[in-house]
Amino acid sequence: MNKLLQIQGLDKSFAGVHAINHLSFDIYEGEILALIGPNGCGKSTLIRSVLGLQPILGGQVLYDGVDARALNA
C-alpha cells in the first residue's frame, strides 16, 4: 500500500509547553485514523499543524511523498 500521509518527528509547543513532542506515524491509502484523548492533549494542534494552519517547530509532514509546506505555499 502507498503511504498517503507521513508525520515524522513533529514538534509543537506553546510558551515552552510541548503540545506535540516528536510525534511520528504513517497513514496508508484507504486507512481511517481516529484521534482520541482528553481535552488539551494536542488533537486539534496536530490537525492544525498537519493542515499548515499553524507553524511547527520541528519535524516534517509529507503528503504522498511531498513536503506539505510546499503544498500550502
Protein backbone atom coordinates (compact mmCIF):
# COMPACT_ATOMS: atom_id res chain seq x y z
CA MET A 1 0.00 0.00 0.00
CA ASN A 2 1.01 3.60 -0.63
CA LYS A 3 1.86 5.90 2.30
CA LEU A 4 -0.55 8.80 1.87
CA LEU A 5 0.43 10.87 4.92
CA GLN A 6 3.69 10.70 6.88
CA ILE A 7 4.26 12.57 10.11
CA GLN A 8 7.93 12.49 11.08
CA GLY A 9 9.21 13.84 14.40
CA LEU A 10 6.57 16.58 14.66
CA ASP A 11 7.17 19.14 17.42
CA LYS A 12 4.94 21.99 18.52
CA SER A 13 4.92 23.97 21.75
CA PHE A 14 3.16 26.99 23.16
CA ALA A 15 5.08 29.19 25.62
CA GLY A 16 7.51 26.36 26.31
CA VAL A 17 4.81 23.73 26.94
CA HIS A 18 5.03 20.80 24.49
CA ALA A 19 1.71 20.17 22.79
CA ILE A 20 3.30 17.66 20.38
CA ASN A 21 6.67 16.09 21.16
CA HIS A 22 8.48 14.10 18.42
CA LEU A 23 5.29 12.52 17.03
CA SER A 24 5.73 10.11 14.11
CA PHE A 25 3.22 7.91 12.29
CA ASP A 26 2.12 6.93 8.78
CA ILE A 27 -1.33 6.71 7.26
CA TYR A 28 -1.68 4.43 4.26
CA GLU A 29 -4.09 4.86 1.38
CA GLY A 30 -7.51 3.51 2.37
CA GLU A 31 -6.88 3.69 6.12
CA ILE A 32 -9.06 5.58 8.56
CA LEU A 33 -7.50 7.34 11.55
CA ALA A 34 -9.25 8.39 14.73
CA LEU A 35 -7.70 10.82 17.20
CA ILE A 36 -8.98 10.32 20.71
CA GLY A 37 -7.85 11.73 24.02
CA PRO A 38 -8.72 14.16 26.79
CA ASN A 39 -9.06 17.91 26.41
CA GLY A 40 -5.72 19.62 25.91
CA CYS A 41 -3.77 16.56 24.76
CA GLY A 42 -2.91 18.00 21.31
CA LYS A 43 -5.53 16.58 18.92
CA SER A 44 -6.55 19.94 17.42
CA THR A 45 -2.96 21.15 17.44
CA LEU A 46 -1.95 18.09 15.42
CA ILE A 47 -4.69 18.63 12.85
CA ARG A 48 -3.94 22.36 12.53
CA SER A 49 -0.23 21.63 12.17
CA VAL A 50 -0.76 18.96 9.51
CA LEU A 51 -3.04 21.31 7.56
CA GLY A 52 -0.44 24.08 7.74
CA LEU A 53 -2.69 26.39 9.74
CA GLN A 54 -0.04 26.85 12.41
CA PRO A 55 3.73 26.52 12.13
CA ILE A 56 5.59 23.53 13.53
CA LEU A 57 8.86 23.79 15.46
CA GLY A 58 10.36 20.63 14.04
CA GLY A 59 9.68 17.54 12.05
CA GLN A 60 8.09 17.01 8.69
CA VAL A 61 4.66 16.40 7.21
CA LEU A 62 4.65 14.57 3.87
CA TYR A 63 1.54 14.15 1.74
CA ASP A 64 2.02 11.48 -0.92
CA GLY A 65 5.79 11.92 -0.51
CA VAL A 66 5.74 15.72 -0.95
CA ASP A 67 6.54 18.17 1.87
CA ALA A 68 3.13 19.56 2.88
CA ARG A 69 4.63 23.03 3.48
CA ALA A 70 5.35 23.22 -0.25
CA LEU A 71 1.71 22.39 -0.98
CA ASN A 72 0.49 25.25 1.25
CA ALA A 73 2.72 27.88 -0.37
